[in-house]
Amino acid sequence: MGKIGYKKPPKSTKAKSAKGGRNKKGSISIKSALKRVLESGAVDVDQFAKSMFLNGMKGNSGIAKLIMEYLEGKVKEEIDITSKEAPKEIKITFE
């Protein structure tokens, strides 16, 4: 077995893509596949957007959420750490 060190990883590591991501060599991402289809002109982009919008309006909450995140940005959750009750008075006495 050869030495392992700087620029000499063990041979048993999983294959990585050229970009250094987790996908194996030869695999494609959904994002790149959709981008390629939309850029090729095989799908009318306006019709695609209209279809997504109508599906969101019909009750598909996943698509509705996706559309809103693209239009308005992700919703930031705020956590209220204040209490509605008045703070209780604590008295400490030392004897």
N, C-alpha and C. Protein backbone atom coordinates (compact mmCIF):
# COMPACT_ATOMS: atom_id res chain seq x y z
N MET A 1 0.84 -1.18 0.00
CA MET A 1 0.00 0.00 0.00
C MET A 1 0.89 1.24 0.00
N GLY A 2 0.54 2.21 -0.86
CA GLY A 2 1.34 3.43 -0.98
C GLY A 2 1.12 4.35 0.20
N LYS A 3 1.93 5.36 0.24
CA LYS A 3 1.82 6.33 1.34
C LYS A 3 0.62 7.23 1.13
N ILE A 4 0.03 7.64 2.24
CA ILE A 4 -1.10 8.56 2.22
C ILE A 4 -0.62 9.85 2.85
N GLY A 5 -0.90 10.96 2.19
CA GLY A 5 -0.48 12.25 2.73
C GLY A 5 -0.95 13.38 1.85
N TYR A 6 -0.16 14.46 1.83
CA TYR A 6 -0.52 15.65 1.07
C TYR A 6 -0.64 15.30 -0.41
N LYS A 7 -1.83 15.55 -0.98
CA LYS A 7 -2.16 15.26 -2.38
C LYS A 7 -2.02 13.77 -2.71
N LYS A 8 -2.11 12.91 -1.72
CA LYS A 8 -2.07 11.47 -1.94
C LYS A 8 -3.17 10.82 -1.09
N PRO A 9 -4.45 10.97 -1.54
CA PRO A 9 -5.54 10.39 -0.76
C PRO A 9 -5.56 8.87 -0.86
N PRO A 10 -6.22 8.21 0.07
CA PRO A 10 -6.34 6.75 -0.03
C PRO A 10 -7.14 6.39 -1.28
N LYS A 11 -6.83 5.26 -1.90
CA LYS A 11 -7.48 4.84 -3.14
C LYS A 11 -8.93 4.42 -2.94
N SER A 12 -9.36 4.17 -1.73
CA SER A 12 -10.71 3.67 -1.47
C SER A 12 -11.75 4.79 -1.34
N THR A 13 -11.38 6.04 -1.64
CA THR A 13 -12.35 7.12 -1.50
C THR A 13 -13.35 7.07 -2.64
N LYS A 14 -14.54 7.63 -2.39
CA LYS A 14 -15.59 7.66 -3.40
C LYS A 14 -15.22 8.64 -4.50
N ALA A 15 -15.69 8.37 -5.71
CA ALA A 15 -15.44 9.27 -6.84
C ALA A 15 -16.22 10.56 -6.65
N LYS A 16 -15.59 11.65 -6.98
CA LYS A 16 -16.24 12.96 -6.87
C LYS A 16 -16.30 13.59 -8.25
N SER A 17 -17.20 14.53 -8.39
CA SER A 17 -17.32 15.22 -9.67
C SER A 17 -16.14 16.17 -9.84
N ALA A 18 -16.01 16.70 -11.05
CA ALA A 18 -14.92 17.62 -11.35
C ALA A 18 -15.02 18.89 -10.50
N LYS A 19 -16.23 19.25 -10.10
CA LYS A 19 -16.42 20.45 -9.29
C LYS A 19 -16.13 20.21 -7.81
N GLY A 20 -15.88 18.98 -7.43
CA GLY A 20 -15.58 18.69 -6.04
C GLY A 20 -16.82 18.43 -5.20
N GLY A 21 -17.97 18.27 -5.83
CA GLY A 21 -19.21 18.04 -5.09
C GLY A 21 -19.36 16.58 -4.69
N ARG A 22 -20.53 16.23 -4.21
CA ARG A 22 -20.77 14.87 -3.75
C ARG A 22 -21.28 13.94 -4.85
N ASN A 23 -21.69 14.51 -5.99
CA ASN A 23 -22.22 13.67 -7.05
C ASN A 23 -21.12 12.83 -7.67
N LYS A 24 -21.46 11.62 -8.04
CA LYS A 24 -20.48 10.75 -8.68
C LYS A 24 -20.22 11.24 -10.10
N LYS A 25 -19.10 10.85 -10.65
CA LYS A 25 -18.76 11.25 -12.01
C LYS A 25 -19.83 10.76 -12.98
N GLY A 26 -20.20 11.64 -13.91
CA GLY A 26 -21.18 11.27 -14.91
C GLY A 26 -22.61 11.59 -14.52
N SER A 27 -22.89 11.89 -13.26
CA SER A 27 -24.25 12.21 -12.84
C SER A 27 -24.52 13.69 -13.08
N ILE A 28 -25.79 14.02 -13.26
CA ILE A 28 -26.17 15.41 -13.48
C ILE A 28 -27.15 15.83 -12.41
N SER A 29 -27.22 17.12 -12.16
CA SER A 29 -28.16 17.63 -11.15
C SER A 29 -29.47 17.99 -11.82
N ILE A 30 -30.53 18.03 -11.05
CA ILE A 30 -31.84 18.43 -11.56
C ILE A 30 -31.76 19.87 -12.08
N LYS A 31 -31.05 20.72 -11.36
CA LYS A 31 -30.94 22.12 -11.75
C LYS A 31 -30.32 22.25 -13.14
N SER A 32 -29.22 21.53 -13.38
CA SER A 32 -28.57 21.65 -14.68
C SER A 32 -29.42 21.04 -15.79
N ALA A 33 -30.17 19.96 -15.48
CA ALA A 33 -31.05 19.35 -16.48
C ALA A 33 -32.18 20.30 -16.86
N LEU A 34 -32.81 20.93 -15.86
CA LEU A 34 -33.88 21.88 -16.14
C LEU A 34 -33.36 23.09 -16.92
N LYS A 35 -32.19 23.56 -16.54
CA LYS A 35 -31.60 24.71 -17.21
C LYS A 35 -31.35 24.39 -18.68
N ARG A 36 -30.83 23.19 -18.94
CA ARG A 36 -30.54 22.79 -20.31
C ARG A 36 -31.82 22.69 -21.14
N VAL A 37 -32.89 22.14 -20.57
CA VAL A 37 -34.16 22.01 -21.28
C VAL A 37 -34.75 23.39 -21.58
N LEU A 38 -34.72 24.29 -20.59
CA LEU A 38 -35.27 25.63 -20.79
C LEU A 38 -34.47 26.44 -21.81
N GLU A 39 -33.14 26.29 -21.79
CA GLU A 39 -32.30 27.02 -22.74
C GLU A 39 -32.42 26.48 -24.15
N SER A 40 -32.76 25.20 -24.31
CA SER A 40 -32.85 24.60 -25.64
C SER A 40 -34.08 25.09 -26.41
N GLY A 41 -35.05 25.63 -25.71
CA GLY A 41 -36.25 26.11 -26.36
C GLY A 41 -37.31 25.04 -26.54
N ALA A 42 -37.08 23.85 -26.00
CA ALA A 42 -38.04 22.75 -26.12
C ALA A 42 -39.31 23.03 -25.31
N VAL A 43 -39.19 23.89 -24.32
CA VAL A 43 -40.32 24.22 -23.46
C VAL A 43 -40.52 25.74 -23.51
N ASP A 44 -41.76 26.17 -23.65
CA ASP A 44 -42.07 27.59 -23.61
C ASP A 44 -42.00 28.05 -22.15
N VAL A 45 -41.07 28.93 -21.87
CA VAL A 45 -40.82 29.36 -20.49
C VAL A 45 -42.04 30.05 -19.89
N ASP A 46 -42.73 30.87 -20.69
CA ASP A 46 -43.93 31.55 -20.19
C ASP A 46 -45.03 30.55 -19.84
N GLN A 47 -45.20 29.54 -20.67
CA GLN A 47 -46.21 28.51 -20.42
C GLN A 47 -45.84 27.71 -19.17
N PHE A 48 -44.54 27.44 -19.00
CA PHE A 48 -44.06 26.71 -17.83
C PHE A 48 -44.36 27.50 -16.55
N ALA A 49 -44.07 28.81 -16.57
CA ALA A 49 -44.32 29.67 -15.40
C ALA A 49 -45.82 29.75 -15.11
N LYS A 50 -46.62 29.87 -16.17
CA LYS A 50 -48.08 29.95 -15.99
C LYS A 50 -48.62 28.66 -15.39
N SER A 51 -48.11 27.52 -15.86
CA SER A 51 -48.54 26.23 -15.33
C SER A 51 -48.19 26.08 -13.85
N MET A 52 -46.98 26.51 -13.49
CA MET A 52 -46.58 26.44 -12.08
C MET A 52 -47.48 27.33 -11.22
N PHE A 53 -47.76 28.54 -11.70
CA PHE A 53 -48.60 29.47 -10.96
C PHE A 53 -50.00 28.90 -10.77
N LEU A 54 -50.58 28.35 -11.84
CA LEU A 54 -51.93 27.79 -11.75
C LEU A 54 -51.98 26.59 -10.81
N ASN A 55 -50.95 25.75 -10.83
CA ASN A 55 -50.90 24.63 -9.89
C ASN A 55 -50.81 25.12 -8.45
N GLY A 56 -50.06 26.19 -8.23
CA GLY A 56 -49.98 26.77 -6.89
C GLY A 56 -51.31 27.32 -6.43
N MET A 57 -52.04 27.96 -7.36
CA MET A 57 -53.35 28.52 -7.02
C MET A 57 -54.39 27.44 -6.78
N LYS A 58 -54.22 26.27 -7.39
CA LYS A 58 -55.18 25.17 -7.22
C LYS A 58 -54.95 24.43 -5.90
N GLY A 59 -53.89 24.75 -5.19
CA GLY A 59 -53.70 24.14 -3.88
C GLY A 59 -52.42 23.34 -3.72
N ASN A 60 -51.57 23.31 -4.73
CA ASN A 60 -50.29 22.62 -4.58
C ASN A 60 -49.38 23.51 -3.74
N SER A 61 -49.34 23.24 -2.45
CA SER A 61 -48.64 24.13 -1.52
C SER A 61 -47.13 24.16 -1.76
N GLY A 62 -46.56 23.06 -2.25
CA GLY A 62 -45.13 23.04 -2.51
C GLY A 62 -44.73 24.02 -3.60
N ILE A 63 -45.51 24.03 -4.68
CA ILE A 63 -45.23 24.96 -5.78
C ILE A 63 -45.53 26.39 -5.35
N ALA A 64 -46.61 26.59 -4.60
CA ALA A 64 -46.95 27.94 -4.12
C ALA A 64 -45.83 28.49 -3.25
N LYS A 65 -45.29 27.65 -2.37
CA LYS A 65 -44.19 28.07 -1.50
C LYS A 65 -42.96 28.41 -2.32
N LEU A 66 -42.66 27.57 -3.32
CA LEU A 66 -41.50 27.80 -4.17
C LEU A 66 -41.61 29.13 -4.92
N ILE A 67 -42.79 29.40 -5.47
CA ILE A 67 -43.01 30.65 -6.20
C ILE A 67 -42.83 31.85 -5.27
N MET A 68 -43.42 31.78 -4.08
CA MET A 68 -43.31 32.89 -3.14
C MET A 68 -41.87 33.12 -2.68
N GLU A 69 -41.11 32.03 -2.50
CA GLU A 69 -39.71 32.18 -2.10
C GLU A 69 -38.90 32.85 -3.20
N TYR A 70 -39.21 32.55 -4.45
CA TYR A 70 -38.49 33.19 -5.55
C TYR A 70 -38.89 34.65 -5.70
N LEU A 71 -40.16 34.96 -5.46
CA LEU A 71 -40.62 36.33 -5.63
C LEU A 71 -40.26 37.22 -4.45
N GLU A 72 -40.47 36.73 -3.24
CA GLU A 72 -40.31 37.55 -2.05
C GLU A 72 -39.10 37.19 -1.20
N GLY A 73 -38.49 36.06 -1.45
CA GLY A 73 -37.40 35.59 -0.61
C GLY A 73 -37.94 34.69 0.49
N LYS A 74 -37.05 33.94 1.11
CA LYS A 74 -37.49 33.02 2.16
C LYS A 74 -37.98 33.79 3.38
N VAL A 75 -38.98 33.22 4.03
CA VAL A 75 -39.54 33.83 5.23
C VAL A 75 -38.60 33.56 6.39
N LYS A 76 -38.27 34.63 7.10
CA LYS A 76 -37.41 34.48 8.26
C LYS A 76 -38.27 34.26 9.48
N GLU A 77 -37.95 33.22 10.22
CA GLU A 77 -38.71 32.92 11.43
C GLU A 77 -38.18 33.78 12.57
N GLU A 78 -39.10 34.36 13.30
CA GLU A 78 -38.72 35.15 14.46
C GLU A 78 -39.18 34.42 15.71
N ILE A 79 -38.32 34.36 16.67
CA ILE A 79 -38.64 33.70 17.93
C ILE A 79 -38.81 34.76 19.00
N ASP A 80 -39.98 34.76 19.62
CA ASP A 80 -40.26 35.73 20.67
C ASP A 80 -39.80 35.14 22.00
N ILE A 81 -38.80 35.76 22.59
CA ILE A 81 -38.29 35.24 23.85
C ILE A 81 -38.85 35.99 25.05
N THR A 82 -39.73 36.92 24.79
CA THR A 82 -40.34 37.65 25.91
C THR A 82 -41.55 36.90 26.41
N SER A 83 -41.86 37.08 27.64
CA SER A 83 -43.00 36.41 28.26
C SER A 83 -44.14 37.40 28.40
N LYS A 84 -45.36 36.93 28.24
CA LYS A 84 -46.51 37.80 28.40
C LYS A 84 -46.86 38.02 29.86
N GLU A 85 -46.37 37.14 30.70
CA GLU A 85 -46.63 37.28 32.13
C GLU A 85 -45.62 38.26 32.73
N ALA A 86 -46.06 38.92 33.78
CA ALA A 86 -45.16 39.82 34.49
C ALA A 86 -44.10 38.98 35.20
N PRO A 87 -42.88 39.46 35.23
CA PRO A 87 -41.84 38.68 35.91
C PRO A 87 -42.14 38.56 37.40
N LYS A 88 -41.84 37.39 37.93
CA LYS A 88 -42.06 37.17 39.36
C LYS A 88 -40.91 37.80 40.13
N GLU A 89 -41.26 38.38 41.24
CA GLU A 89 -40.25 39.03 42.06
C GLU A 89 -39.56 37.98 42.93
N ILE A 90 -38.25 37.98 42.88
CA ILE A 90 -37.48 37.04 43.67
C ILE A 90 -36.67 37.84 44.68
N LYS A 91 -36.81 37.48 45.95
CA LYS A 91 -36.06 38.15 47.00
C LYS A 91 -35.03 37.19 47.55
N ILE A 92 -33.83 37.65 47.63
CA ILE A 92 -32.76 36.84 48.19
C ILE A 92 -32.23 37.57 49.43
N THR A 93 -32.22 36.86 50.54
CA THR A 93 -31.70 37.46 51.76
C THR A 93 -30.54 36.63 52.27
N PHE A 94 -29.55 37.30 52.82
CA PHE A 94 -28.41 36.62 53.40
C PHE A 94 -28.41 36.88 54.91
N GLU A 95 -28.16 35.87 55.66
CA GLU A 95 -28.13 36.03 57.12
C GLU A 95 -26.74 35.87 57.65
